[in-house]
């Protein structure tokens, strides 16, 4: 994904996600983040819409 962003020349994160998902021909991208702090692990999952790059939802 990082290589795709570099090739598209993305500078704005939300615009980049919109361009990347459109280039892949999908309706949205599933993004995840795993954080571990003091023995606790937190998983955050979100969906970014391809049309405008805005978050379509997130669960923590």
N, C-alpha and C. Protein backbone atom coordinates (compact mmCIF):
# COMPACT_ATOMS: atom_id res chain seq x y z
N UNK A 1 0.82 -1.18 0.00
CA UNK A 1 0.00 0.00 0.00
C UNK A 1 0.87 1.26 0.00
N UNK A 2 1.95 1.24 0.77
CA UNK A 2 2.84 2.40 0.81
C UNK A 2 3.41 2.70 -0.58
N UNK A 3 3.76 1.66 -1.31
CA UNK A 3 4.29 1.85 -2.66
C UNK A 3 3.25 2.48 -3.56
N UNK A 4 2.00 2.03 -3.45
CA UNK A 4 0.91 2.60 -4.25
C UNK A 4 0.74 4.08 -3.93
N UNK A 5 0.80 4.45 -2.65
CA UNK A 5 0.65 5.85 -2.26
C UNK A 5 1.78 6.69 -2.86
N UNK A 6 2.99 6.16 -2.83
CA UNK A 6 4.12 6.88 -3.40
C UNK A 6 3.94 7.08 -4.90
N UNK A 7 3.47 6.05 -5.57
CA UNK A 7 3.28 6.14 -7.02
C UNK A 7 2.19 7.14 -7.38
N UNK A 8 1.15 7.26 -6.53
CA UNK A 8 0.08 8.21 -6.79
C UNK A 8 0.46 9.63 -6.40
N UNK A 9 1.54 9.78 -5.64
CA UNK A 9 1.97 11.11 -5.21
C UNK A 9 1.04 11.72 -4.19
N UNK A 10 0.45 10.91 -3.33
CA UNK A 10 -0.51 11.38 -2.33
C UNK A 10 0.18 12.20 -1.24
N UNK A 11 -0.44 13.33 -0.90
CA UNK A 11 0.07 14.14 0.20
C UNK A 11 -0.96 14.22 1.32
N UNK A 12 -2.24 14.29 1.00
CA UNK A 12 -3.31 14.34 1.98
C UNK A 12 -3.79 12.91 2.25
N UNK A 13 -3.81 12.48 3.51
CA UNK A 13 -4.12 11.11 3.86
C UNK A 13 -5.49 10.67 3.36
N UNK A 14 -6.54 11.47 3.58
CA UNK A 14 -7.88 11.06 3.17
C UNK A 14 -8.02 11.04 1.65
N UNK A 15 -7.44 12.02 0.97
CA UNK A 15 -7.49 12.04 -0.49
C UNK A 15 -6.71 10.86 -1.05
N UNK A 16 -5.62 10.53 -0.40
CA UNK A 16 -4.80 9.41 -0.85
C UNK A 16 -5.58 8.10 -0.74
N UNK A 17 -6.26 7.90 0.37
CA UNK A 17 -7.05 6.68 0.56
C UNK A 17 -8.16 6.59 -0.48
N UNK A 18 -8.80 7.72 -0.78
CA UNK A 18 -9.85 7.74 -1.79
C UNK A 18 -9.28 7.37 -3.16
N UNK A 19 -8.14 7.94 -3.51
CA UNK A 19 -7.51 7.64 -4.80
C UNK A 19 -7.07 6.19 -4.89
N UNK A 20 -6.50 5.70 -3.81
CA UNK A 20 -6.02 4.32 -3.79
C UNK A 20 -7.16 3.33 -3.91
N UNK A 21 -8.24 3.54 -3.17
CA UNK A 21 -9.37 2.61 -3.26
C UNK A 21 -10.04 2.69 -4.62
N UNK A 22 -10.11 3.87 -5.20
CA UNK A 22 -10.68 4.01 -6.55
C UNK A 22 -9.80 3.29 -7.57
N UNK A 23 -8.48 3.41 -7.42
CA UNK A 23 -7.56 2.74 -8.34
C UNK A 23 -7.67 1.22 -8.22
N UNK A 24 -7.97 0.74 -7.03
CA UNK A 24 -8.15 -0.69 -6.82
C UNK A 24 -9.54 -1.17 -7.24
N UNK A 25 -10.45 -0.23 -7.48
CA UNK A 25 -11.80 -0.58 -7.90
C UNK A 25 -12.66 -1.13 -6.77
N UNK A 26 -12.44 -0.64 -5.55
CA UNK A 26 -13.22 -1.10 -4.40
C UNK A 26 -14.05 0.05 -3.83
N UNK A 27 -15.06 -0.30 -3.04
CA UNK A 27 -15.93 0.71 -2.43
C UNK A 27 -15.30 1.38 -1.22
N UNK A 28 -14.36 0.70 -0.60
CA UNK A 28 -13.71 1.25 0.59
C UNK A 28 -12.51 0.43 0.99
N UNK A 29 -11.77 0.96 1.94
CA UNK A 29 -10.58 0.27 2.45
C UNK A 29 -10.78 -0.03 3.93
N UNK A 30 -10.39 -1.21 4.34
CA UNK A 30 -10.42 -1.60 5.74
C UNK A 30 -9.06 -1.29 6.33
N UNK A 31 -9.03 -0.45 7.35
CA UNK A 31 -7.78 -0.06 7.99
C UNK A 31 -7.77 -0.57 9.42
N UNK A 32 -6.61 -0.99 9.88
CA UNK A 32 -6.51 -1.48 11.25
C UNK A 32 -5.28 -0.92 11.92
N UNK A 33 -5.38 -0.86 13.25
CA UNK A 33 -4.27 -0.38 14.05
C UNK A 33 -4.24 -1.22 15.33
N UNK A 34 -3.09 -1.77 15.66
CA UNK A 34 -2.93 -2.55 16.88
C UNK A 34 -1.95 -1.80 17.78
N UNK A 35 -2.38 -1.56 19.01
CA UNK A 35 -1.56 -0.85 19.97
C UNK A 35 -1.41 -1.70 21.22
N UNK A 36 -0.20 -1.82 21.72
CA UNK A 36 0.02 -2.58 22.95
C UNK A 36 0.70 -1.65 23.95
N UNK A 37 0.09 -1.51 25.12
CA UNK A 37 0.62 -0.62 26.14
C UNK A 37 0.38 -1.24 27.51
N UNK A 38 1.43 -1.44 28.24
CA UNK A 38 1.36 -1.97 29.61
C UNK A 38 0.52 -3.24 29.70
N UNK A 39 0.76 -4.19 28.81
CA UNK A 39 0.08 -5.47 28.88
C UNK A 39 -1.32 -5.48 28.30
N UNK A 40 -1.81 -4.37 27.81
CA UNK A 40 -3.13 -4.29 27.19
C UNK A 40 -2.96 -4.11 25.69
N UNK A 41 -3.72 -4.88 24.93
CA UNK A 41 -3.69 -4.76 23.48
C UNK A 41 -5.00 -4.17 23.00
N UNK A 42 -4.91 -3.15 22.17
CA UNK A 42 -6.10 -2.49 21.64
C UNK A 42 -6.09 -2.61 20.13
N UNK A 43 -7.21 -3.04 19.56
CA UNK A 43 -7.36 -3.17 18.12
C UNK A 43 -8.41 -2.17 17.65
N UNK A 44 -8.06 -1.34 16.71
CA UNK A 44 -8.99 -0.39 16.12
C UNK A 44 -9.13 -0.73 14.65
N UNK A 45 -10.38 -0.89 14.19
CA UNK A 45 -10.65 -1.22 12.80
C UNK A 45 -11.59 -0.16 12.25
N UNK A 46 -11.29 0.32 11.05
CA UNK A 46 -12.12 1.34 10.43
C UNK A 46 -12.26 1.10 8.94
N UNK A 47 -13.28 1.74 8.36
CA UNK A 47 -13.52 1.66 6.92
C UNK A 47 -13.48 3.08 6.37
N UNK A 48 -12.71 3.26 5.30
CA UNK A 48 -12.63 4.55 4.62
C UNK A 48 -13.34 4.41 3.28
N UNK A 49 -14.32 5.26 3.03
CA UNK A 49 -15.08 5.22 1.78
C UNK A 49 -14.23 5.69 0.61
N UNK A 50 -14.39 5.03 -0.54
CA UNK A 50 -13.57 5.40 -1.69
C UNK A 50 -14.02 6.69 -2.35
N UNK A 51 -15.28 7.04 -2.21
CA UNK A 51 -15.79 8.24 -2.88
C UNK A 51 -15.18 9.53 -2.38
N UNK A 52 -15.09 9.69 -1.05
CA UNK A 52 -14.60 10.94 -0.50
C UNK A 52 -13.44 10.79 0.50
N UNK A 53 -13.05 9.56 0.79
CA UNK A 53 -11.94 9.33 1.71
C UNK A 53 -12.28 9.53 3.16
N UNK A 54 -13.57 9.73 3.47
CA UNK A 54 -13.98 9.94 4.86
C UNK A 54 -14.21 8.59 5.54
N UNK A 55 -14.04 8.59 6.85
CA UNK A 55 -14.27 7.38 7.63
C UNK A 55 -15.75 7.00 7.56
N UNK A 56 -16.01 5.76 7.16
CA UNK A 56 -17.38 5.27 7.06
C UNK A 56 -17.79 4.58 8.36
N UNK A 57 -16.83 4.30 9.22
CA UNK A 57 -17.12 3.67 10.50
C UNK A 57 -15.84 3.17 11.15
N UNK A 58 -15.92 2.97 12.46
CA UNK A 58 -14.76 2.46 13.19
C UNK A 58 -15.23 1.73 14.43
N UNK A 59 -14.47 0.73 14.83
CA UNK A 59 -14.75 -0.03 16.04
C UNK A 59 -13.44 -0.16 16.79
N UNK A 60 -13.52 -0.02 18.11
CA UNK A 60 -12.31 -0.09 18.92
C UNK A 60 -12.43 -1.21 19.91
